[in-house]
């Protein structure tokens, strides 16, 4: 019985901590990743994330070692910098 309770607790922890934004960016899985992420964040955050992916990709920056959360955070910083100008 103790093993069953421990197993259930581990499953809950595993699935509760599974955040799509923690996944590393990949050209191969970006469409599926963005579909999943779209349901987890606000429309404004999704707009910032997708725009920043395009901006970083067009500028030649290396986004392949960044998580989606890092891309989103950098996008928020970029938006804030634009507002101040």
PDB file of N, CA and C in Angstrom:
ATOM      1  N   UNK A   1       0.820  -1.188   0.000  1.00  0.00           N
ATOM      2  CA  UNK A   1       0.000   0.000   0.000  1.00  0.00           C
ATOM      3  C   UNK A   1       0.871   1.261   0.000  1.00  0.00           C
ATOM      4  N   UNK A   2       1.951   1.249   0.772  1.00  0.00           N
ATOM      5  CA  UNK A   2       2.839   2.402   0.819  1.00  0.00           C
ATOM      6  C   UNK A   2       3.494   2.650  -0.537  1.00  0.00           C
ATOM      7  N   UNK A   3       3.829   1.549  -1.225  1.00  0.00           N
ATOM      8  CA  UNK A   3       4.453   1.682  -2.534  1.00  0.00           C
ATOM      9  C   UNK A   3       3.482   2.299  -3.528  1.00  0.00           C
ATOM     10  N   UNK A   4       2.229   1.923  -3.448  1.00  0.00           N
ATOM     11  CA  UNK A   4       1.212   2.471  -4.349  1.00  0.00           C
ATOM     12  C   UNK A   4       1.041   3.971  -4.106  1.00  0.00           C
ATOM     13  N   UNK A   5       0.986   4.387  -2.871  1.00  0.00           N
ATOM     14  CA  UNK A   5       0.838   5.803  -2.541  1.00  0.00           C
ATOM     15  C   UNK A   5       2.061   6.586  -3.008  1.00  0.00           C
ATOM     16  N   UNK A   6       3.234   6.036  -2.806  1.00  0.00           N
ATOM     17  CA  UNK A   6       4.466   6.678  -3.251  1.00  0.00           C
ATOM     18  C   UNK A   6       4.486   6.804  -4.772  1.00  0.00           C
ATOM     19  N   UNK A   7       4.080   5.764  -5.462  1.00  0.00           N
ATOM     20  CA  UNK A   7       4.030   5.777  -6.919  1.00  0.00           C
ATOM     21  C   UNK A   7       3.063   6.847  -7.420  1.00  0.00           C
ATOM     22  N   UNK A   8       1.890   6.947  -6.823  1.00  0.00           N
ATOM     23  CA  UNK A   8       0.900   7.950  -7.222  1.00  0.00           C
ATOM     24  C   UNK A   8       1.431   9.353  -6.970  1.00  0.00           C
ATOM     25  N   UNK A   9       2.086   9.558  -5.843  1.00  0.00           N
ATOM     26  CA  UNK A   9       2.674  10.867  -5.540  1.00  0.00           C
ATOM     27  C   UNK A   9       3.743  11.240  -6.562  1.00  0.00           C
ATOM     28  N   UNK A  10       4.569  10.298  -6.939  1.00  0.00           N
ATOM     29  CA  UNK A  10       5.603  10.557  -7.942  1.00  0.00           C
ATOM     30  C   UNK A  10       4.990  10.898  -9.293  1.00  0.00           C
ATOM     31  N   UNK A  11       3.926  10.224  -9.662  1.00  0.00           N
ATOM     32  CA  UNK A  11       3.239  10.537 -10.917  1.00  0.00           C
ATOM     33  C   UNK A  11       2.676  11.956 -10.898  1.00  0.00           C
ATOM     34  N   UNK A  12       2.056  12.320  -9.806  1.00  0.00           N
ATOM     35  CA  UNK A  12       1.488  13.662  -9.687  1.00  0.00           C
ATOM     36  C   UNK A  12       2.570  14.723  -9.792  1.00  0.00           C
ATOM     37  N   UNK A  13       3.667  14.511  -9.113  1.00  0.00           N
ATOM     38  CA  UNK A  13       4.776  15.466  -9.157  1.00  0.00           C
ATOM     39  C   UNK A  13       5.347  15.559 -10.566  1.00  0.00           C
ATOM     40  N   UNK A  14       5.506  14.434 -11.216  1.00  0.00           N
ATOM     41  CA  UNK A  14       6.062  14.413 -12.570  1.00  0.00           C
ATOM     42  C   UNK A  14       5.194  15.188 -13.536  1.00  0.00           C
ATOM     43  N   UNK A  15       3.893  14.951 -13.508  1.00  0.00           N
ATOM     44  CA  UNK A  15       3.009  15.620 -14.449  1.00  0.00           C
ATOM     45  C   UNK A  15       2.728  17.062 -14.062  1.00  0.00           C
ATOM     46  N   UNK A  16       2.772  17.390 -12.807  1.00  0.00           N
ATOM     47  CA  UNK A  16       2.547  18.755 -12.370  1.00  0.00           C
ATOM     48  C   UNK A  16       3.713  19.659 -12.755  1.00  0.00           C
ATOM     49  N   UNK A  17       4.899  19.120 -12.813  1.00  0.00           N
ATOM     50  CA  UNK A  17       6.086  19.905 -13.129  1.00  0.00           C
ATOM     51  C   UNK A  17       6.402  19.934 -14.622  1.00  0.00           C
ATOM     52  N   UNK A  18       5.595  19.298 -15.420  1.00  0.00           N
ATOM     53  CA  UNK A  18       5.838  19.231 -16.850  1.00  0.00           C
ATOM     54  C   UNK A  18       5.337  20.512 -17.506  1.00  0.00           C
ATOM     55  N   UNK A  19       6.223  21.469 -17.721  1.00  0.00           N
ATOM     56  CA  UNK A  19       5.874  22.749 -18.295  1.00  0.00           C
ATOM     57  C   UNK A  19       6.461  22.832 -19.694  1.00  0.00           C
ATOM     58  N   UNK A  20       5.626  23.120 -20.671  1.00  0.00           N
ATOM     59  CA  UNK A  20       6.079  23.194 -22.057  1.00  0.00           C
ATOM     60  C   UNK A  20       7.078  24.316 -22.277  1.00  0.00           C
ATOM     61  N   UNK A  21       7.008  25.353 -21.469  1.00  0.00           N
ATOM     62  CA  UNK A  21       7.941  26.465 -21.624  1.00  0.00           C
ATOM     63  C   UNK A  21       9.365  26.087 -21.233  1.00  0.00           C
ATOM     64  N   UNK A  22       9.530  24.998 -20.505  1.00  0.00           N
ATOM     65  CA  UNK A  22      10.862  24.556 -20.094  1.00  0.00           C
ATOM     66  C   UNK A  22      11.567  23.746 -21.178  1.00  0.00           C
ATOM     67  N   UNK A  23      10.857  23.459 -22.257  1.00  0.00           N
ATOM     68  CA  UNK A  23      11.436  22.675 -23.355  1.00  0.00           C
ATOM     69  C   UNK A  23      12.361  23.566 -24.185  1.00  0.00           C
ATOM     70  N   UNK A  24      13.451  22.995 -24.665  1.00  0.00           N
ATOM     71  CA  UNK A  24      14.405  23.730 -25.501  1.00  0.00           C
ATOM     72  C   UNK A  24      13.854  23.861 -26.913  1.00  0.00           C
ATOM     73  N   UNK A  25      14.008  25.055 -27.486  1.00  0.00           N
ATOM     74  CA  UNK A  25      13.519  25.358 -28.827  1.00  0.00           C
ATOM     75  C   UNK A  25      14.113  24.406 -29.853  1.00  0.00           C
ATOM     76  N   UNK A  26      13.275  23.987 -30.793  1.00  0.00           N
ATOM     77  CA  UNK A  26      13.715  23.139 -31.896  1.00  0.00           C
ATOM     78  C   UNK A  26      12.880  23.462 -33.127  1.00  0.00           C
ATOM     79  N   UNK A  27      13.539  23.613 -34.280  1.00  0.00           N
ATOM     80  CA  UNK A  27      12.818  23.843 -35.537  1.00  0.00           C
ATOM     81  C   UNK A  27      11.893  22.673 -35.865  1.00  0.00           C
ATOM     82  N   UNK A  28      12.304  21.490 -35.471  1.00  0.00           N
ATOM     83  CA  UNK A  28      11.564  20.276 -35.812  1.00  0.00           C
ATOM     84  C   UNK A  28      10.224  20.209 -35.079  1.00  0.00           C
ATOM     85  N   UNK A  29      10.208  20.610 -33.812  1.00  0.00           N
ATOM     86  CA  UNK A  29       8.996  20.457 -32.997  1.00  0.00           C
ATOM     87  C   UNK A  29       8.311  21.768 -32.666  1.00  0.00           C
ATOM     88  N   UNK A  30       8.728  22.869 -33.277  1.00  0.00           N
ATOM     89  CA  UNK A  30       8.218  24.183 -32.879  1.00  0.00           C
ATOM     90  C   UNK A  30       6.704  24.294 -33.043  1.00  0.00           C
ATOM     91  N   UNK A  31       6.142  23.753 -34.102  1.00  0.00           N
ATOM     92  CA  UNK A  31       4.683  23.865 -34.312  1.00  0.00           C
ATOM     93  C   UNK A  31       3.906  23.165 -33.205  1.00  0.00           C
ATOM     94  N   UNK A  32       4.305  21.942 -32.889  1.00  0.00           N
ATOM     95  CA  UNK A  32       3.619  21.193 -31.837  1.00  0.00           C
ATOM     96  C   UNK A  32       3.829  21.859 -30.475  1.00  0.00           C
ATOM     97  N   UNK A  33       5.048  22.337 -30.256  1.00  0.00           N
ATOM     98  CA  UNK A  33       5.357  23.003 -28.992  1.00  0.00           C
ATOM     99  C   UNK A  33       4.495  24.250 -28.816  1.00  0.00           C
ATOM    100  N   UNK A  34       4.387  25.056 -29.871  1.00  0.00           N
ATOM    101  CA  UNK A  34       3.609  26.288 -29.777  1.00  0.00           C
ATOM    102  C   UNK A  34       2.117  26.012 -29.588  1.00  0.00           C
ATOM    103  N   UNK A  35       1.622  24.948 -30.198  1.00  0.00           N
ATOM    104  CA  UNK A  35       0.209  24.580 -29.981  1.00  0.00           C
ATOM    105  C   UNK A  35      -0.039  24.257 -28.520  1.00  0.00           C
ATOM    106  N   UNK A  36       0.869  23.535 -27.910  1.00  0.00           N
ATOM    107  CA  UNK A  36       0.739  23.163 -26.499  1.00  0.00           C
ATOM    108  C   UNK A  36       0.915  24.393 -25.610  1.00  0.00           C
ATOM    109  N   UNK A  37       1.898  25.209 -25.920  1.00  0.00           N
ATOM    110  CA  UNK A  37       2.180  26.398 -25.123  1.00  0.00           C
ATOM    111  C   UNK A  37       1.027  27.394 -25.190  1.00  0.00           C
ATOM    112  N   UNK A  38       0.372  27.488 -26.339  1.00  0.00           N
ATOM    113  CA  UNK A  38      -0.723  28.443 -26.517  1.00  0.00           C
ATOM    114  C   UNK A  38      -1.837  28.237 -25.489  1.00  0.00           C
ATOM    115  N   UNK A  39      -2.028  26.995 -25.062  1.00  0.00           N
ATOM    116  CA  UNK A  39      -3.075  26.704 -24.078  1.00  0.00           C
ATOM    117  C   UNK A  39      -2.619  26.981 -22.646  1.00  0.00           C
ATOM    118  N   UNK A  40      -1.323  27.216 -22.459  1.00  0.00           N
ATOM    119  CA  UNK A  40      -0.762  27.386 -21.115  1.00  0.00           C
ATOM    120  C   UNK A  40      -0.476  28.828 -20.726  1.00  0.00           C
ATOM    121  N   UNK A  41      -0.422  29.733 -21.716  1.00  0.00           N
ATOM    122  CA  UNK A  41      -0.077  31.123 -21.422  1.00  0.00           C
ATOM    123  C   UNK A  41      -1.144  32.050 -22.003  1.00  0.00           C
ATOM    124  N   UNK A  42      -1.078  33.313 -21.638  1.00  0.00           N
ATOM    125  CA  UNK A  42      -2.049  34.294 -22.129  1.00  0.00           C
ATOM    126  C   UNK A  42      -1.813  34.581 -23.608  1.00  0.00           C
ATOM    127  N   UNK A  43      -2.815  35.169 -24.242  1.00  0.00           N
ATOM    128  CA  UNK A  43      -2.708  35.519 -25.658  1.00  0.00           C
ATOM    129  C   UNK A  43      -1.583  36.530 -25.891  1.00  0.00           C
ATOM    130  N   UNK A  44      -1.419  37.470 -24.971  1.00  0.00           N
ATOM    131  CA  UNK A  44      -0.358  38.473 -25.092  1.00  0.00           C
ATOM    132  C   UNK A  44       1.021  37.829 -24.977  1.00  0.00           C
ATOM    133  N   UNK A  45       1.190  36.919 -24.025  1.00  0.00           N
ATOM    134  CA  UNK A  45       2.470  36.224 -23.883  1.00  0.00           C
ATOM    135  C   UNK A  45       2.749  35.362 -25.112  1.00  0.00           C
ATOM    136  N   UNK A  46       1.719  34.740 -25.653  1.00  0.00           N
ATOM    137  CA  UNK A  46       1.891  33.920 -26.857  1.00  0.00           C
ATOM    138  C   UNK A  46       2.333  34.791 -28.038  1.00  0.00           C
ATOM    139  N   UNK A  47       1.745  35.980 -28.157  1.00  0.00           N
ATOM    140  CA  UNK A  47       2.127  36.898 -29.231  1.00  0.00           C
ATOM    141  C   UNK A  47       3.589  37.298 -29.073  1.00  0.00           C
ATOM    142  N   UNK A  48       3.982  37.623 -27.847  1.00  0.00           N
ATOM    143  CA  UNK A  48       5.375  38.015 -27.586  1.00  0.00           C
ATOM    144  C   UNK A  48       6.323  36.869 -27.907  1.00  0.00           C
ATOM    145  N   UNK A  49       5.972  35.659 -27.479  1.00  0.00           N
ATOM    146  CA  UNK A  49       6.822  34.486 -27.725  1.00  0.00           C
ATOM    147  C   UNK A  49       6.991  34.237 -29.217  1.00  0.00           C
ATOM    148  N   UNK A  50       5.884  34.194 -29.959  1.00  0.00           N
ATOM    149  CA  UNK A  50       5.984  33.885 -31.388  1.00  0.00           C
ATOM    150  C   UNK A  50       6.709  34.985 -32.153  1.00  0.00           C
ATOM    151  N   UNK A  51       6.456  36.250 -31.801  1.00  0.00           N
ATOM    152  CA  UNK A  51       7.165  37.356 -32.459  1.00  0.00           C
ATOM    153  C   UNK A  51       8.661  37.316 -32.152  1.00  0.00           C
ATOM    154  N   UNK A  52       8.994  36.960 -30.913  1.00  0.00           N
ATOM    155  CA  UNK A  52      10.406  36.923 -30.548  1.00  0.00           C
ATOM    156  C   UNK A  52      11.125  35.747 -31.208  1.00  0.00           C
ATOM    157  N   UNK A  53      10.445  34.643 -31.412  1.00  0.00           N
ATOM    158  CA  UNK A  53      11.052  33.523 -32.143  1.00  0.00           C
ATOM    159  C   UNK A  53      11.403  33.982 -33.557  1.00  0.00           C
ATOM    160  N   UNK A  54      10.469  34.685 -34.206  1.00  0.00           N
ATOM    161  CA  UNK A  54      10.730  35.182 -35.564  1.00  0.00           C
ATOM    162  C   UNK A  54      11.841  36.228 -35.564  1.00  0.00           C
ATOM    163  N   UNK A  55      11.819  37.130 -34.567  1.00  0.00           N
ATOM    164  CA  UNK A  55      12.829  38.192 -34.498  1.00  0.00           C
ATOM    165  C   UNK A  55      14.221  37.613 -34.289  1.00  0.00           C
ATOM    166  N   UNK A  56      14.348  36.689 -33.343  1.00  0.00           N
ATOM    167  CA  UNK A  56      15.649  36.091 -33.060  1.00  0.00           C
ATOM    168  C   UNK A  56      16.142  35.244 -34.233  1.00  0.00           C
ATOM    169  N   UNK A  57      15.221  34.528 -34.861  1.00  0.00           N
ATOM    170  CA  UNK A  57      15.598  33.719 -36.019  1.00  0.00           C
ATOM    171  C   UNK A  57      16.066  34.572 -37.186  1.00  0.00           C
ATOM    172  N   UNK A  58      15.379  35.685 -37.426  1.00  0.00           N
ATOM    173  CA  UNK A  58      15.741  36.573 -38.531  1.00  0.00           C
ATOM    174  C   UNK A  58      17.054  37.297 -38.276  1.00  0.00           C
ATOM    175  N   UNK A  59      17.345  37.559 -37.007  1.00  0.00           N
ATOM    176  CA  UNK A  59      18.578  38.280 -36.682  1.00  0.00           C
ATOM    177  C   UNK A  59      19.799  37.367 -36.651  1.00  0.00           C
ATOM    178  N   UNK A  60      19.570  36.054 -36.756  1.00  0.00           N
ATOM    179  CA  UNK A  60      20.676  35.113 -36.758  1.00  0.00           C
ATOM    180  C   UNK A  60      21.146  34.716 -35.380  1.00  0.00           C
ATOM    181  N   UNK A  61      20.418  35.137 -34.348  1.00  0.00           N
ATOM    182  CA  UNK A  61      20.797  34.756 -32.975  1.00  0.00           C
ATOM    183  C   UNK A  61      20.617  33.249 -32.789  1.00  0.00           C
ATOM    184  N   UNK A  62      21.430  32.687 -31.949  1.00  0.00           N
ATOM    185  CA  UNK A  62      21.365  31.248 -31.670  1.00  0.00           C
ATOM    186  C   UNK A  62      20.287  30.983 -30.627  1.00  0.00           C
ATOM    187  N   UNK A  63      19.112  30.556 -31.087  1.00  0.00           N
ATOM    188  CA  UNK A  63      18.017  30.266 -30.158  1.00  0.00           C
ATOM    189  C   UNK A  63      17.899  28.771 -29.881  1.00  0.00           C
ATOM    190  N   UNK A  64      18.776  27.990 -30.457  1.00  0.00           N
ATOM    191  CA  UNK A  64      18.674  26.528 -30.331  1.00  0.00           C
ATOM    192  C   UNK A  64      19.079  26.007 -28.962  1.00  0.00           C
ATOM    193  N   UNK A  65      19.701  26.830 -28.160  1.00  0.00           N
ATOM    194  CA  UNK A  65      20.062  26.424 -26.799  1.00  0.00           C
ATOM    195  C   UNK A  65      19.201  27.119 -25.760  1.00  0.00           C
ATOM    196  N   UNK A  66      18.135  27.774 -26.208  1.00  0.00           N
ATOM    197  CA  UNK A  66      17.258  28.513 -25.310  1.00  0.00           C
ATOM    198  C   UNK A  66      15.953  27.741 -25.097  1.00  0.00           C
ATOM    199  N   UNK A  67      15.406  27.853 -23.901  1.00  0.00           N
ATOM    200  CA  UNK A  67      14.077  27.295 -23.661  1.00  0.00           C
ATOM    201  C   UNK A  67      13.052  28.310 -24.148  1.00  0.00           C
ATOM    202  N   UNK A  68      11.817  27.835 -24.314  1.00  0.00           N
ATOM    203  CA  UNK A  68      10.755  28.748 -24.706  1.00  0.00           C
ATOM    204  C   UNK A  68      10.541  29.819 -23.637  1.00  0.00           C
ATOM    205  N   UNK A  69      10.755  29.483 -22.380  1.00  0.00           N
ATOM    206  CA  UNK A  69      10.626  30.466 -21.302  1.00  0.00           C
ATOM    207  C   UNK A  69      11.671  31.556 -21.450  1.00  0.00           C
ATOM    208  N   UNK A  70      12.902  31.183 -21.780  1.00  0.00           N
ATOM    209  CA  UNK A  70      13.959  32.168 -21.974  1.00  0.00           C
ATOM    210  C   UNK A  70      13.649  33.069 -23.167  1.00  0.00           C
ATOM    211  N   UNK A  71      13.113  32.479 -24.240  1.00  0.00           N
ATOM    212  CA  UNK A  71      12.735  33.260 -25.417  1.00  0.00           C
ATOM    213  C   UNK A  71      11.623  34.237 -25.054  1.00  0.00           C
ATOM    214  N   UNK A  72      10.642  33.775 -24.279  1.00  0.00           N
ATOM    215  CA  UNK A  72       9.542  34.633 -23.844  1.00  0.00           C
ATOM    216  C   UNK A  72      10.054  35.760 -22.961  1.00  0.00           C
ATOM    217  N   UNK A  73      10.908  35.443 -22.009  1.00  0.00           N
ATOM    218  CA  UNK A  73      11.453  36.466 -21.115  1.00  0.00           C
ATOM    219  C   UNK A  73      12.236  37.527 -21.893  1.00  0.00           C
ATOM    220  N   UNK A  74      13.035  37.079 -22.841  1.00  0.00           N
ATOM    221  CA  UNK A  74      13.799  38.017 -23.661  1.00  0.00           C
ATOM    222  C   UNK A  74      12.858  38.881 -24.508  1.00  0.00           C
ATOM    223  N   UNK A  75      11.786  38.276 -24.984  1.00  0.00           N
ATOM    224  CA  UNK A  75      10.788  39.027 -25.747  1.00  0.00           C
ATOM    225  C   UNK A  75      10.106  40.083 -24.898  1.00  0.00           C
ATOM    226  N   UNK A  76       9.803  39.739 -23.656  1.00  0.00           N
ATOM    227  CA  UNK A  76       9.201  40.717 -22.743  1.00  0.00           C
ATOM    228  C   UNK A  76      10.167  41.874 -22.495  1.00  0.00           C
ATOM    229  N   UNK A  77      11.443  41.560 -22.313  1.00  0.00           N
ATOM    230  CA  UNK A  77      12.451  42.600 -22.120  1.00  0.00           C
ATOM    231  C   UNK A  77      12.546  43.498 -23.352  1.00  0.00           C
ATOM    232  N   UNK A  78      12.488  42.894 -24.535  1.00  0.00           N
ATOM    233  CA  UNK A  78      12.555  43.640 -25.785  1.00  0.00           C
ATOM    234  C   UNK A  78      11.339  44.560 -25.917  1.00  0.00           C
ATOM    235  N   UNK A  79      10.143  44.043 -25.590  1.00  0.00           N
ATOM    236  CA  UNK A  79       8.918  44.852 -25.647  1.00  0.00           C
ATOM    237  C   UNK A  79       9.014  46.027 -24.677  1.00  0.00           C
ATOM    238  N   UNK A  80       9.530  45.798 -23.490  1.00  0.00           N
ATOM    239  CA  UNK A  80       9.677  46.849 -22.491  1.00  0.00           C
ATOM    240  C   UNK A  80      10.659  47.906 -22.989  1.00  0.00           C
ATOM    241  N   UNK A  81      11.743  47.483 -23.609  1.00  0.00           N
ATOM    242  CA  UNK A  81      12.724  48.415 -24.140  1.00  0.00           C
ATOM    243  C   UNK A  81      12.100  49.267 -25.253  1.00  0.00           C
ATOM    244  N   UNK A  82      11.274  48.656 -26.098  1.00  0.00           N
ATOM    245  CA  UNK A  82      10.600  49.406 -27.174  1.00  0.00           C
ATOM    246  C   UNK A  82       9.652  50.456 -26.601  1.00  0.00           C
ATOM    247  N   UNK A  83       8.958  50.113 -25.519  1.00  0.00           N
ATOM    248  CA  UNK A  83       8.020  51.050 -24.901  1.00  0.00           C
ATOM    249  C   UNK A  83       8.731  52.274 -24.339  1.00  0.00           C
ATOM    250  N   UNK A  84       9.943  52.058 -23.850  1.00  0.00           N
ATOM    251  CA  UNK A  84      10.694  53.169 -23.246  1.00  0.00           C
ATOM    252  C   UNK A  84      11.242  54.134 -24.285  1.00  0.00           C
ATOM    253  N   UNK A  85      11.365  53.681 -25.522  1.00  0.00           N
ATOM    254  CA  UNK A  85      11.930  54.557 -26.578  1.00  0.00           C
ATOM    255  C   UNK A  85      10.925  55.501 -27.072  1.00  0.00           C
TER     256      UNK A  85
END
